[in-house]
């Protein structure tokens, strides 16, 4: 006889040990990921710098956060995107627990251990809860796949490589020269 599957909630998640692992909850399932690689962190740092400078320093468009930072989409969906942006008009979605709702922009940097989940299940969760734009950064291809909210889903709208400039539709005026990110 099969035992019933445990469904994790935000309260269960809060009780997890601070052991350096990266935990997330997707549709009640506890996901554990290893620490990211050096390359992953280099890309994250470069993208965060450009987002932070444009959003918070130069234009005061909202706030940018990097992982680990809890995004509580529902009681059984808690994620930690690599980077996120929330527009000024929506800053009320922040609480002491983290972000209580969908970011406007999510950036996920793919790793061998997270690639399939980030491109599939996690993208579906982001779509379901209203993320407006998703960037999947692929260190193996030096490329960014962009997805935008269309008819309740996140639809692929373009792939940008090392020689391209990536403009966001949800962050006004943001233009990221990918040569400086994939340097």
Protein backbone atom coordinates (compact mmCIF):
# COMPACT_ATOMS: atom_id res chain seq x y z
CA UNK A 1 0.00 0.00 0.00
CA UNK A 2 1.48 3.35 -1.06
CA UNK A 3 1.87 5.97 1.63
CA UNK A 4 0.28 9.37 0.96
CA UNK A 5 2.66 12.00 -0.38
CA UNK A 6 3.52 14.78 2.07
CA UNK A 7 2.39 18.25 0.90
CA UNK A 8 4.68 20.96 2.17
CA UNK A 9 3.39 24.41 3.05
CA UNK A 10 5.09 27.71 3.78
CA UNK A 11 4.97 26.88 7.51
CA UNK A 12 6.79 23.57 6.88
CA UNK A 13 9.29 25.44 4.73
CA UNK A 14 9.97 27.93 7.54
CA UNK A 15 10.92 25.05 9.82
CA UNK A 16 13.65 23.72 7.50
CA UNK A 17 17.22 23.94 8.80
CA UNK A 18 19.50 26.81 7.79
CA UNK A 19 22.02 24.35 6.40
CA UNK A 20 23.14 26.17 3.27
CA UNK A 21 20.86 24.17 0.97
CA UNK A 22 18.47 25.99 -1.33
CA UNK A 23 14.90 24.90 -0.63
CA UNK A 24 11.75 25.68 -2.59
CA UNK A 25 8.19 24.33 -2.55
CA UNK A 26 6.45 23.71 -5.87
CA UNK A 27 2.81 22.63 -5.65
CA UNK A 28 3.48 21.21 -2.18
CA UNK A 29 6.62 19.28 -3.16
CA UNK A 30 9.85 20.13 -1.36
CA UNK A 31 12.70 20.80 -3.81
CA UNK A 32 16.34 20.86 -2.69
CA UNK A 33 19.05 22.27 -4.98
CA UNK A 34 22.80 22.37 -4.50
CA UNK A 35 24.67 25.64 -4.26
CA UNK A 36 25.17 27.34 -7.62
CA UNK A 37 28.46 27.22 -9.52
CA UNK A 38 30.94 30.05 -9.78
CA UNK A 39 29.85 30.79 -13.37
CA UNK A 40 26.22 30.94 -12.25
CA UNK A 41 27.10 33.44 -9.53
CA UNK A 42 29.20 35.58 -11.91
CA UNK A 43 26.25 35.89 -14.29
CA UNK A 44 23.89 36.62 -11.41
CA UNK A 45 26.19 39.33 -10.06
CA UNK A 46 26.56 41.04 -13.46
CA UNK A 47 22.84 40.98 -14.18
CA UNK A 48 21.97 42.15 -10.68
CA UNK A 49 24.37 45.06 -10.99
CA UNK A 50 22.76 46.23 -14.24
CA UNK A 51 19.21 45.75 -12.93
CA UNK A 52 19.94 47.44 -9.60
CA UNK A 53 21.73 50.39 -11.20
CA UNK A 54 18.93 51.00 -13.72
CA UNK A 55 15.95 50.28 -11.45
CA UNK A 56 16.97 51.63 -8.05
CA UNK A 57 19.84 54.06 -8.57
CA UNK A 58 19.15 55.80 -11.88
CA UNK A 59 15.35 55.66 -12.27
CA UNK A 60 13.70 54.57 -9.00
CA UNK A 61 11.39 52.18 -10.80
CA UNK A 62 10.97 49.65 -8.00
CA UNK A 63 13.12 47.10 -6.21
CA UNK A 64 15.50 44.32 -7.25
CA UNK A 65 16.35 41.32 -5.07
CA UNK A 66 18.59 38.30 -5.46
CA UNK A 67 18.44 34.79 -4.00
CA UNK A 68 18.05 33.75 -1.34
CA UNK A 69 14.83 35.72 -1.01
CA UNK A 70 11.44 34.07 -0.45
CA UNK A 71 8.72 34.61 -3.02
CA UNK A 72 5.51 33.25 -1.54
CA UNK A 73 3.16 32.66 -4.44
CA UNK A 74 0.76 30.59 -2.31
CA UNK A 75 0.97 28.53 0.87
CA UNK A 76 2.28 25.57 -1.17
CA UNK A 77 4.42 27.46 -3.72
CA UNK A 78 7.50 29.18 -2.32
CA UNK A 79 10.38 29.94 -4.69
CA UNK A 80 13.72 31.70 -4.61
CA UNK A 81 14.40 33.15 -8.07
CA UNK A 82 17.98 34.11 -8.83
CA UNK A 83 16.85 37.72 -9.44
CA UNK A 84 13.53 39.52 -9.34
CA UNK A 85 12.08 42.96 -9.98
CA UNK A 86 8.91 44.51 -8.55
CA UNK A 87 7.63 47.86 -9.86
CA UNK A 88 7.10 50.79 -7.50
CA UNK A 89 3.32 50.64 -7.98
CA UNK A 90 3.33 47.10 -6.52
CA UNK A 91 5.72 47.44 -3.56
CA UNK A 92 2.86 46.64 -1.16
CA UNK A 93 3.35 42.95 -2.06
CA UNK A 94 6.47 42.90 0.16
CA UNK A 95 6.13 41.77 3.77
CA UNK A 96 8.48 40.71 6.52
CA UNK A 97 8.19 37.14 5.18
CA UNK A 98 9.42 38.16 1.71
CA UNK A 99 7.45 38.85 -1.45
CA UNK A 100 3.81 37.77 -1.18
CA UNK A 101 2.85 37.42 -4.81
CA UNK A 102 4.38 37.39 -8.25
CA UNK A 103 7.34 39.56 -9.22
CA UNK A 104 7.02 41.57 -12.42
CA UNK A 105 10.30 40.12 -13.75
CA UNK A 106 11.99 36.87 -12.75
CA UNK A 107 15.50 35.88 -13.83
CA UNK A 108 16.53 32.24 -13.47
CA UNK A 109 20.08 31.19 -14.32
CA UNK A 110 20.08 27.60 -15.47
CA UNK A 111 22.28 25.00 -13.78
CA UNK A 112 22.64 21.33 -14.72
CA UNK A 113 20.66 20.36 -11.61
CA UNK A 114 17.85 22.91 -12.14
CA UNK A 115 17.59 23.25 -15.95
CA UNK A 116 14.65 20.90 -16.55
CA UNK A 117 12.68 22.22 -13.56
CA UNK A 118 13.35 25.92 -14.35
CA UNK A 119 12.36 25.50 -18.01
CA UNK A 120 9.32 23.35 -17.28
CA UNK A 121 7.55 23.12 -13.97
CA UNK A 122 8.85 26.36 -12.47
CA UNK A 123 8.02 28.33 -15.63
CA UNK A 124 4.49 26.91 -15.42
CA UNK A 125 4.19 27.98 -11.76
CA UNK A 126 5.43 31.48 -12.61
CA UNK A 127 2.83 31.69 -15.40
CA UNK A 128 0.02 30.47 -13.16
CA UNK A 129 0.73 33.09 -10.51
CA UNK A 130 1.10 36.07 -12.85
CA UNK A 131 4.79 36.74 -13.49
CA UNK A 132 4.86 39.21 -16.39
CA UNK A 133 8.32 38.46 -17.79
CA UNK A 134 10.77 35.59 -17.30
CA UNK A 135 14.41 35.43 -18.40
CA UNK A 136 16.03 31.98 -18.53
CA UNK A 137 19.77 32.61 -18.66
CA UNK A 138 21.70 29.70 -20.17
CA UNK A 139 25.43 29.72 -19.30
CA UNK A 140 26.10 26.81 -21.67
CA UNK A 141 24.83 28.72 -24.72
CA UNK A 142 25.64 32.27 -23.52
CA UNK A 143 22.00 33.07 -24.26
CA UNK A 144 18.85 34.37 -22.61
CA UNK A 145 15.43 32.99 -23.52
CA UNK A 146 12.71 35.55 -22.82
CA UNK A 147 9.10 34.70 -21.97
CA UNK A 148 6.32 37.27 -21.68
CA UNK A 149 2.82 37.04 -20.30
CA UNK A 150 0.35 36.35 -23.11
CA UNK A 151 -3.21 35.17 -22.48
CA UNK A 152 -2.42 33.86 -18.98
CA UNK A 153 0.76 32.01 -19.97
CA UNK A 154 4.43 32.83 -20.37
CA UNK A 155 5.10 32.61 -24.11
CA UNK A 156 8.57 32.52 -25.66
CA UNK A 157 9.22 35.86 -27.35
CA UNK A 158 12.91 35.72 -28.21
CA UNK A 159 16.40 34.39 -27.62
CA UNK A 160 19.29 36.80 -27.15
CA UNK A 161 22.98 35.95 -27.35
CA UNK A 162 26.31 37.43 -26.36
CA UNK A 163 26.26 40.10 -29.08
CA UNK A 164 22.70 41.26 -28.44
CA UNK A 165 21.10 43.92 -26.27
CA UNK A 166 18.14 42.68 -24.25
CA UNK A 167 15.35 45.17 -23.59
CA UNK A 168 12.72 44.37 -20.99
CA UNK A 169 9.06 45.10 -21.61
CA UNK A 170 8.28 45.34 -17.90
CA UNK A 171 11.29 47.40 -16.74
CA UNK A 172 10.99 50.73 -18.57
CA UNK A 173 14.14 51.73 -20.43
CA UNK A 174 16.19 48.70 -19.36
CA UNK A 175 18.66 47.60 -22.02
CA UNK A 176 21.21 44.95 -21.04
CA UNK A 177 24.25 44.51 -23.29
CA UNK A 178 24.77 40.77 -22.99
CA UNK A 179 28.45 40.96 -23.98
CA UNK A 180 29.12 42.46 -20.54
CA UNK A 181 27.07 39.73 -18.83
CA UNK A 182 28.65 36.77 -20.64
CA UNK A 183 32.19 38.26 -20.53
